[in-house]
Amino acid sequence: MESATVPTPTAPAATVVPKPADSRAARMLRFAGRTPVNIGLALIAVLWLVPTLGLLFTSLLPVGDIAEKGWWKVVSQPKLATFENYNQLFQNNDLTKALLTTATIAVGNTVLLVLVAALAGYAPATAVQSGPFSGSASLGPAELEITVDPGQVGSNQVHLYLFDATSGAQFSRIKELEVTAIEPENSIGPLPLEPQHSGPGHYTVQGALLNVAGDWDLEVTMRVSAFDEYAAKVEVPIR
């Protein structure tokens, strides 16, 4: 007996509706709405620019013509422009020293402000590293995640979480777990810590005494059978 083939219904293609083009009236209304703003901005620019240009052109006029002729004469009669005023300015030793002092103070203040802002934007290394620490490492068929709280000199609480490297579930095939602490710079350790089973894939060390500031190595050894043993090391900064 032949089996009947039922065709699979296909979803209709999406219809793209083109965006209607703006009418000329709509474009004119938008332009008219922006026109007052554009005019206002142009007036502000002119009001700011004209006095600035006036000061510049006035400085190019001879001293005798400044009171008699307006600065706009430089635009209509460019031959009136001269740099004599600037020559006399830089030949005045007192004024030159004042300008140099002003420039030194301005540049120094700017550099100092940038340096202070840069220092304020980055916390000191000890401030960055102090506080609870979290790290991870591969431990054979498991992934180890470790937290050390508060991550400071003295008594600390250590939490070890083990997850199956393949499925991500809590790793429960642990037969024995050992933890030791070593501070290599000062030749301290290995100090045995006593992890207590706190739940599936979770072990806790209460009151781990890390009494010296430095980079401590927490070495974790996990046995899953009589023949299989895995070890990992996590560096923990203690401040």
C-alpha atoms as a PDB file:
ATOM      1  CA  MET A   1       0.000   0.000   0.000  1.00  0.00           C
ATOM      2  CA  GLU A   2       1.421   3.296  -1.028  1.00  0.00           C
ATOM      3  CA  SER A   3       1.559   6.046   1.556  1.00  0.00           C
ATOM      4  CA  ALA A   4       0.147   9.418   0.628  1.00  0.00           C
ATOM      5  CA  THR A   5       2.525  12.374   0.747  1.00  0.00           C
ATOM      6  CA  VAL A   6       1.026  15.413   2.393  1.00  0.00           C
ATOM      7  CA  PRO A   7       2.596  18.632   1.086  1.00  0.00           C
ATOM      8  CA  THR A   8       3.997  20.899   3.758  1.00  0.00           C
ATOM      9  CA  PRO A   9       2.335  24.299   3.683  1.00  0.00           C
ATOM     10  CA  THR A  10       4.728  27.136   3.108  1.00  0.00           C
ATOM     11  CA  ALA A  11       4.415  30.502   4.712  1.00  0.00           C
ATOM     12  CA  PRO A  12       3.530  33.306   2.343  1.00  0.00           C
ATOM     13  CA  ALA A  13       6.351  35.621   1.449  1.00  0.00           C
ATOM     14  CA  ALA A  14       6.435  38.831   3.414  1.00  0.00           C
ATOM     15  CA  THR A  15       5.184  41.825   1.543  1.00  0.00           C
ATOM     16  CA  VAL A  16       7.482  44.829   1.729  1.00  0.00           C
ATOM     17  CA  VAL A  17       5.503  48.028   1.735  1.00  0.00           C
ATOM     18  CA  PRO A  18       7.614  50.888   0.341  1.00  0.00           C
ATOM     19  CA  LYS A  19       7.822  53.972   2.457  1.00  0.00           C
ATOM     20  CA  PRO A  20       5.746  56.705   0.882  1.00  0.00           C
ATOM     21  CA  ALA A  21       7.783  59.591  -0.452  1.00  0.00           C
ATOM     22  CA  ASP A  22       7.387  62.894   1.299  1.00  0.00           C
ATOM     23  CA  SER A  23       5.297  65.403  -0.539  1.00  0.00           C
ATOM     24  CA  ARG A  24       6.695  68.786  -1.561  1.00  0.00           C
ATOM     25  CA  ALA A  25       4.425  70.475   0.978  1.00  0.00           C
ATOM     26  CA  ALA A  26       5.806  68.308   3.798  1.00  0.00           C
ATOM     27  CA  ARG A  27       9.377  69.100   2.814  1.00  0.00           C
ATOM     28  CA  MET A  28       8.593  72.828   2.680  1.00  0.00           C
ATOM     29  CA  LEU A  29       6.997  72.678   6.135  1.00  0.00           C
ATOM     30  CA  ARG A  30      10.070  70.979   7.595  1.00  0.00           C
ATOM     31  CA  PHE A  31      12.342  73.562   5.985  1.00  0.00           C
ATOM     32  CA  ALA A  32      10.186  76.409   7.275  1.00  0.00           C
ATOM     33  CA  GLY A  33      10.263  74.938  10.774  1.00  0.00           C
ATOM     34  CA  ARG A  34      14.075  74.816  10.790  1.00  0.00           C
ATOM     35  CA  THR A  35      14.567  78.249   9.221  1.00  0.00           C
ATOM     36  CA  PRO A  36      14.134  80.365  12.408  1.00  0.00           C
ATOM     37  CA  VAL A  37      16.645  78.171  14.240  1.00  0.00           C
ATOM     38  CA  ASN A  38      19.163  78.432  11.413  1.00  0.00           C
ATOM     39  CA  ILE A  39      18.727  82.205  11.240  1.00  0.00           C
ATOM     40  CA  GLY A  40      19.217  82.524  14.994  1.00  0.00           C
ATOM     41  CA  LEU A  41      22.410  80.454  14.878  1.00  0.00           C
ATOM     42  CA  ALA A  42      23.728  82.530  11.982  1.00  0.00           C
ATOM     43  CA  LEU A  43      23.057  85.781  13.887  1.00  0.00           C
ATOM     44  CA  ILE A  44      24.877  84.454  16.956  1.00  0.00           C
ATOM     45  CA  ALA A  45      27.849  83.495  14.788  1.00  0.00           C
ATOM     46  CA  VAL A  46      27.944  86.950  13.199  1.00  0.00           C
ATOM     47  CA  LEU A  47      27.645  88.746  16.548  1.00  0.00           C
ATOM     48  CA  TRP A  48      30.592  86.721  17.867  1.00  0.00           C
ATOM     49  CA  LEU A  49      32.714  86.972  14.721  1.00  0.00           C
ATOM     50  CA  VAL A  50      32.406  90.695  13.949  1.00  0.00           C
ATOM     51  CA  PRO A  51      34.015  92.004  17.192  1.00  0.00           C
ATOM     52  CA  THR A  52      36.781  89.422  16.870  1.00  0.00           C
ATOM     53  CA  LEU A  53      37.548  90.519  13.320  1.00  0.00           C
ATOM     54  CA  GLY A  54      37.346  94.145  14.464  1.00  0.00           C
ATOM     55  CA  LEU A  55      40.067  93.568  17.067  1.00  0.00           C
ATOM     56  CA  LEU A  56      42.251  91.783  14.520  1.00  0.00           C
ATOM     57  CA  PHE A  57      41.928  94.500  11.857  1.00  0.00           C
ATOM     58  CA  THR A  58      42.406  97.267  14.434  1.00  0.00           C
ATOM     59  CA  SER A  59      45.731  95.729  15.434  1.00  0.00           C
ATOM     60  CA  LEU A  60      46.843  95.977  11.803  1.00  0.00           C
ATOM     61  CA  LEU A  61      46.154  99.725  11.540  1.00  0.00           C
ATOM     62  CA  PRO A  62      48.906 102.266  12.190  1.00  0.00           C
ATOM     63  CA  VAL A  63      48.659 103.912  15.607  1.00  0.00           C
ATOM     64  CA  GLY A  64      47.779 107.293  14.091  1.00  0.00           C
ATOM     65  CA  ASP A  65      44.905 105.840  12.050  1.00  0.00           C
ATOM     66  CA  ILE A  66      43.209 103.840  14.800  1.00  0.00           C
ATOM     67  CA  ALA A  67      41.260 106.848  16.164  1.00  0.00           C
ATOM     68  CA  GLU A  68      40.597 108.443  12.752  1.00  0.00           C
ATOM     69  CA  LYS A  69      39.679 105.420  10.651  1.00  0.00           C
ATOM     70  CA  GLY A  70      37.461 102.510  11.474  1.00  0.00           C
ATOM     71  CA  TRP A  71      38.797  98.979  11.410  1.00  0.00           C
ATOM     72  CA  TRP A  72      36.634  98.205   8.355  1.00  0.00           C
ATOM     73  CA  LYS A  73      38.959 100.447   6.320  1.00  0.00           C
ATOM     74  CA  VAL A  74      41.438  97.555   6.296  1.00  0.00           C
ATOM     75  CA  VAL A  75      38.929  95.542   4.284  1.00  0.00           C
ATOM     76  CA  SER A  76      38.320  98.311   1.732  1.00  0.00           C
ATOM     77  CA  GLN A  77      41.954  99.526   1.726  1.00  0.00           C
ATOM     78  CA  PRO A  78      44.255  96.541   2.392  1.00  0.00           C
ATOM     79  CA  LYS A  79      47.357  98.735   1.901  1.00  0.00           C
ATOM     80  CA  LEU A  80      46.646 100.312   5.320  1.00  0.00           C
ATOM     81  CA  ALA A  81      47.471  97.028   7.045  1.00  0.00           C
ATOM     82  CA  THR A  82      50.840  96.896   8.781  1.00  0.00           C
ATOM     83  CA  PHE A  83      52.629  94.657  11.317  1.00  0.00           C
ATOM     84  CA  GLU A  84      54.464  97.579  12.916  1.00  0.00           C
ATOM     85  CA  ASN A  85      52.336  97.333  16.056  1.00  0.00           C
ATOM     86  CA  TYR A  86      53.442  93.702  16.524  1.00  0.00           C
ATOM     87  CA  ASN A  87      57.090  94.625  15.928  1.00  0.00           C
ATOM     88  CA  GLN A  88      56.933  97.250  18.678  1.00  0.00           C
ATOM     89  CA  LEU A  89      55.111  94.801  20.931  1.00  0.00           C
ATOM     90  CA  PHE A  90      57.847  92.175  20.803  1.00  0.00           C
ATOM     91  CA  GLN A  91      60.570  94.785  21.195  1.00  0.00           C
ATOM     92  CA  ASN A  92      59.130  95.792  24.572  1.00  0.00           C
ATOM     93  CA  ASN A  93      61.106  93.611  27.016  1.00  0.00           C
ATOM     94  CA  ASP A  94      58.737  94.100  29.937  1.00  0.00           C
ATOM     95  CA  LEU A  95      55.713  93.137  27.879  1.00  0.00           C
ATOM     96  CA  THR A  96      57.527  90.175  26.344  1.00  0.00           C
ATOM     97  CA  LYS A  97      58.417  88.884  29.825  1.00  0.00           C
ATOM     98  CA  ALA A  98      54.809  89.285  30.921  1.00  0.00           C
ATOM     99  CA  LEU A  99      53.588  87.328  27.889  1.00  0.00           C
ATOM    100  CA  LEU A 100      56.149  84.588  28.565  1.00  0.00           C
ATOM    101  CA  THR A 101      55.093  84.384  32.214  1.00  0.00           C
ATOM    102  CA  THR A 102      51.434  84.161  31.224  1.00  0.00           C
ATOM    103  CA  ALA A 103      52.171  81.424  28.685  1.00  0.00           C
ATOM    104  CA  THR A 104      54.221  79.471  31.245  1.00  0.00           C
ATOM    105  CA  ILE A 105      51.448  79.640  33.837  1.00  0.00           C
ATOM    106  CA  ALA A 106      48.771  78.672  31.292  1.00  0.00           C
ATOM    107  CA  VAL A 107      50.738  75.710  29.930  1.00  0.00           C
ATOM    108  CA  GLY A 108      51.776  74.586  33.414  1.00  0.00           C
ATOM    109  CA  ASN A 109      48.202  74.713  34.705  1.00  0.00           C
ATOM    110  CA  THR A 110      46.973  72.754  31.690  1.00  0.00           C
ATOM    111  CA  VAL A 111      49.607  70.034  32.093  1.00  0.00           C
ATOM    112  CA  LEU A 112      48.960  69.825  35.843  1.00  0.00           C
ATOM    113  CA  LEU A 113      45.207  69.555  35.270  1.00  0.00           C
ATOM    114  CA  VAL A 114      45.673  66.752  32.728  1.00  0.00           C
ATOM    115  CA  LEU A 115      47.991  64.836  35.066  1.00  0.00           C
ATOM    116  CA  VAL A 116      45.647  65.182  38.052  1.00  0.00           C
ATOM    117  CA  ALA A 117      42.669  64.100  35.934  1.00  0.00           C
ATOM    118  CA  ALA A 118      44.606  61.090  34.637  1.00  0.00           C
ATOM    119  CA  LEU A 119      45.615  60.043  38.156  1.00  0.00           C
ATOM    120  CA  ALA A 120      42.053  60.478  39.405  1.00  0.00           C
ATOM    121  CA  GLY A 121      40.735  58.288  36.595  1.00  0.00           C
ATOM    122  CA  TYR A 122      42.751  55.219  37.634  1.00  0.00           C
ATOM    123  CA  ALA A 123      42.669  53.667  41.065  1.00  0.00           C
ATOM    124  CA  PRO A 124      45.973  52.579  42.665  1.00  0.00           C
ATOM    125  CA  ALA A 125      47.026  48.999  42.045  1.00  0.00           C
ATOM    126  CA  THR A 126      46.329  47.989  45.643  1.00  0.00           C
ATOM    127  CA  ALA A 127      42.809  49.387  45.436  1.00  0.00           C
ATOM    128  CA  VAL A 128      42.155  47.502  42.207  1.00  0.00           C
ATOM    129  CA  GLN A 129      43.387  44.155  43.526  1.00  0.00           C
ATOM    130  CA  SER A 130      42.048  44.275  47.077  1.00  0.00           C
ATOM    131  CA  GLY A 131      38.679  42.805  47.930  1.00  0.00           C
ATOM    132  CA  PRO A 132      36.985  39.467  47.189  1.00  0.00           C
ATOM    133  CA  PHE A 133      38.812  37.438  44.540  1.00  0.00           C
ATOM    134  CA  SER A 134      37.318  35.117  41.927  1.00  0.00           C
ATOM    135  CA  GLY A 135      39.254  32.824  39.617  1.00  0.00           C
ATOM    136  CA  SER A 136      38.910  29.644  37.596  1.00  0.00           C
ATOM    137  CA  ALA A 137      41.003  26.766  36.288  1.00  0.00           C
ATOM    138  CA  SER A 138      40.619  23.454  34.463  1.00  0.00           C
ATOM    139  CA  LEU A 139      40.731  20.414  36.716  1.00  0.00           C
ATOM    140  CA  GLY A 140      40.672  17.368  34.444  1.00  0.00           C
ATOM    141  CA  PRO A 141      37.044  16.462  33.685  1.00  0.00           C
ATOM    142  CA  ALA A 142      35.873  19.391  35.845  1.00  0.00           C
ATOM    143  CA  GLU A 143      36.030  23.178  35.740  1.00  0.00           C
ATOM    144  CA  LEU A 144      37.027  24.813  39.002  1.00  0.00           C
ATOM    145  CA  GLU A 145      35.724  28.182  40.124  1.00  0.00           C
ATOM    146  CA  ILE A 146      37.161  29.604  43.332  1.00  0.00           C
ATOM    147  CA  THR A 147      36.329  32.674  45.423  1.00  0.00           C
ATOM    148  CA  VAL A 148      38.348  34.091  48.311  1.00  0.00           C
ATOM    149  CA  ASP A 149      36.579  36.549  50.597  1.00  0.00           C
ATOM    150  CA  PRO A 150      37.580  39.213  51.658  1.00  0.00           C
ATOM    151  CA  GLY A 151      40.882  38.663  49.820  1.00  0.00           C
ATOM    152  CA  GLN A 152      42.847  40.501  52.499  1.00  0.00           C
ATOM    153  CA  VAL A 153      45.528  39.645  55.035  1.00  0.00           C
ATOM    154  CA  GLY A 154      44.112  37.481  57.818  1.00  0.00           C
ATOM    155  CA  SER A 155      41.233  35.039  57.918  1.00  0.00           C
ATOM    156  CA  ASN A 156      39.540  34.334  54.589  1.00  0.00           C
ATOM    157  CA  GLN A 157      36.671  32.148  53.467  1.00  0.00           C
ATOM    158  CA  VAL A 158      37.352  30.033  50.375  1.00  0.00           C
ATOM    159  CA  HIS A 159      34.590  28.597  48.198  1.00  0.00           C
ATOM    160  CA  LEU A 160      35.353  25.967  45.561  1.00  0.00           C
ATOM    161  CA  TYR A 161      32.756  25.134  42.906  1.00  0.00           C
ATOM    162  CA  LEU A 162      33.291  22.241  40.505  1.00  0.00           C
ATOM    163  CA  PHE A 163      31.312  21.811  37.306  1.00  0.00           C
ATOM    164  CA  ASP A 164      31.379  19.090  34.685  1.00  0.00           C
ATOM    165  CA  ALA A 165      33.562  20.366  31.836  1.00  0.00           C
ATOM    166  CA  THR A 166      31.192  18.845  29.265  1.00  0.00           C
ATOM    167  CA  SER A 167      27.673  19.382  30.570  1.00  0.00           C
ATOM    168  CA  GLY A 168      28.209  22.252  33.014  1.00  0.00           C
ATOM    169  CA  ALA A 169      26.355  20.407  35.785  1.00  0.00           C
ATOM    170  CA  GLN A 170      27.707  20.153  39.317  1.00  0.00           C
ATOM    171  CA  PHE A 171      30.595  17.694  39.343  1.00  0.00           C
ATOM    172  CA  SER A 172      29.801  14.922  41.816  1.00  0.00           C
ATOM    173  CA  ARG A 173      32.410  12.223  41.053  1.00  0.00           C
ATOM    174  CA  ILE A 174      34.801  13.571  43.678  1.00  0.00           C
ATOM    175  CA  LYS A 175      36.344  11.001  45.990  1.00  0.00           C
ATOM    176  CA  GLU A 176      38.765  13.321  47.760  1.00  0.00           C
ATOM    177  CA  LEU A 177      39.655  17.022  47.539  1.00  0.00           C
ATOM    178  CA  GLU A 178      42.796  18.628  48.968  1.00  0.00           C
ATOM    179  CA  VAL A 179      43.717  22.330  49.068  1.00  0.00           C
ATOM    180  CA  THR A 180      47.084  23.827  50.032  1.00  0.00           C
ATOM    181  CA  ALA A 181      48.236  27.463  50.160  1.00  0.00           C
ATOM    182  CA  ILE A 182      51.751  28.631  49.177  1.00  0.00           C
ATOM    183  CA  GLU A 183      53.260  32.123  49.227  1.00  0.00           C
ATOM    184  CA  PRO A 184      56.405  31.596  47.115  1.00  0.00           C
ATOM    185  CA  GLU A 185      57.964  35.051  47.534  1.00  0.00           C
ATOM    186  CA  ASN A 186      58.360  34.584  51.295  1.00  0.00           C
ATOM    187  CA  SER A 187      58.758  30.773  51.121  1.00  0.00           C
ATOM    188  CA  ILE A 188      55.583  30.152  53.127  1.00  0.00           C
ATOM    189  CA  GLY A 189      53.874  26.805  52.822  1.00  0.00           C
ATOM    190  CA  PRO A 190      52.525  24.573  51.637  1.00  0.00           C
ATOM    191  CA  LEU A 191      49.850  25.168  54.286  1.00  0.00           C
ATOM    192  CA  PRO A 192      47.131  22.482  54.275  1.00  0.00           C
ATOM    193  CA  LEU A 193      43.583  23.818  54.200  1.00  0.00           C
ATOM    194  CA  GLU A 194      40.585  21.696  55.126  1.00  0.00           C
ATOM    195  CA  PRO A 195      37.761  21.921  52.572  1.00  0.00           C
ATOM    196  CA  GLN A 196      34.362  20.861  53.855  1.00  0.00           C
ATOM    197  CA  HIS A 197      31.706  19.426  51.569  1.00  0.00           C
ATOM    198  CA  SER A 198      28.909  22.002  51.432  1.00  0.00           C
ATOM    199  CA  GLY A 199      26.744  20.675  48.609  1.00  0.00           C
ATOM    200  CA  PRO A 200      26.881  19.093  45.170  1.00  0.00           C
ATOM    201  CA  GLY A 201      30.188  20.194  43.635  1.00  0.00           C
ATOM    202  CA  HIS A 202      30.675  22.771  46.399  1.00  0.00           C
ATOM    203  CA  TYR A 203      33.419  22.835  49.026  1.00  0.00           C
ATOM    204  CA  THR A 204      34.169  25.501  51.639  1.00  0.00           C
ATOM    205  CA  VAL A 205      37.273  26.381  53.658  1.00  0.00           C
ATOM    206  CA  GLN A 206      36.400  28.361  56.771  1.00  0.00           C
ATOM    207  CA  GLY A 207      39.030  30.615  58.320  1.00  0.00           C
ATOM    208  CA  ALA A 208      41.885  30.140  55.851  1.00  0.00           C
ATOM    209  CA  LEU A 209      44.726  32.111  57.460  1.00  0.00           C
ATOM    210  CA  LEU A 210      46.637  34.033  54.781  1.00  0.00           C
ATOM    211  CA  ASN A 211      48.625  36.294  57.087  1.00  0.00           C
ATOM    212  CA  VAL A 212      51.100  37.809  54.592  1.00  0.00           C
ATOM    213  CA  ALA A 213      50.318  40.183  51.748  1.00  0.00           C
ATOM    214  CA  GLY A 214      51.374  38.828  48.394  1.00  0.00           C
ATOM    215  CA  ASP A 215      50.372  36.516  45.574  1.00  0.00           C
ATOM    216  CA  TRP A 216      49.326  33.204  47.086  1.00  0.00           C
ATOM    217  CA  ASP A 217      49.020  29.987  45.095  1.00  0.00           C
ATOM    218  CA  LEU A 218      46.047  27.822  46.033  1.00  0.00           C
ATOM    219  CA  GLU A 219      46.753  24.303  44.771  1.00  0.00           C
ATOM    220  CA  VAL A 220      43.702  22.073  44.420  1.00  0.00           C
ATOM    221  CA  THR A 221      44.076  18.297  44.038  1.00  0.00           C
ATOM    222  CA  MET A 222      41.026  16.204  43.118  1.00  0.00           C
ATOM    223  CA  ARG A 223      40.806  12.399  43.128  1.00  0.00           C
ATOM    224  CA  VAL A 224      37.940  10.801  41.220  1.00  0.00           C
ATOM    225  CA  SER A 225      39.102   7.184  41.578  1.00  0.00           C
ATOM    226  CA  ALA A 226      41.911   5.089  42.974  1.00  0.00           C
ATOM    227  CA  PHE A 227      43.950   5.774  39.844  1.00  0.00           C
ATOM    228  CA  ASP A 228      42.771   9.178  38.543  1.00  0.00           C
ATOM    229  CA  GLU A 229      43.999  12.383  40.173  1.00  0.00           C
ATOM    230  CA  TYR A 230      43.988  15.936  38.832  1.00  0.00           C
ATOM    231  CA  ALA A 231      45.613  19.124  40.117  1.00  0.00           C
ATOM    232  CA  ALA A 232      45.291  22.847  39.354  1.00  0.00           C
ATOM    233  CA  LYS A 233      46.766  26.052  40.749  1.00  0.00           C
ATOM    234  CA  VAL A 234      45.068  29.440  41.097  1.00  0.00           C
ATOM    235  CA  GLU A 235      47.039  32.586  41.989  1.00  0.00           C
ATOM    236  CA  VAL A 236      45.204  34.733  44.548  1.00  0.00           C
ATOM    237  CA  PRO A 237      46.353  38.301  45.352  1.00  0.00           C
ATOM    238  CA  ILE A 238      46.102  39.059  49.071  1.00  0.00           C
ATOM    239  CA  ARG A 239      46.415  42.735  50.074  1.00  0.00           C
END
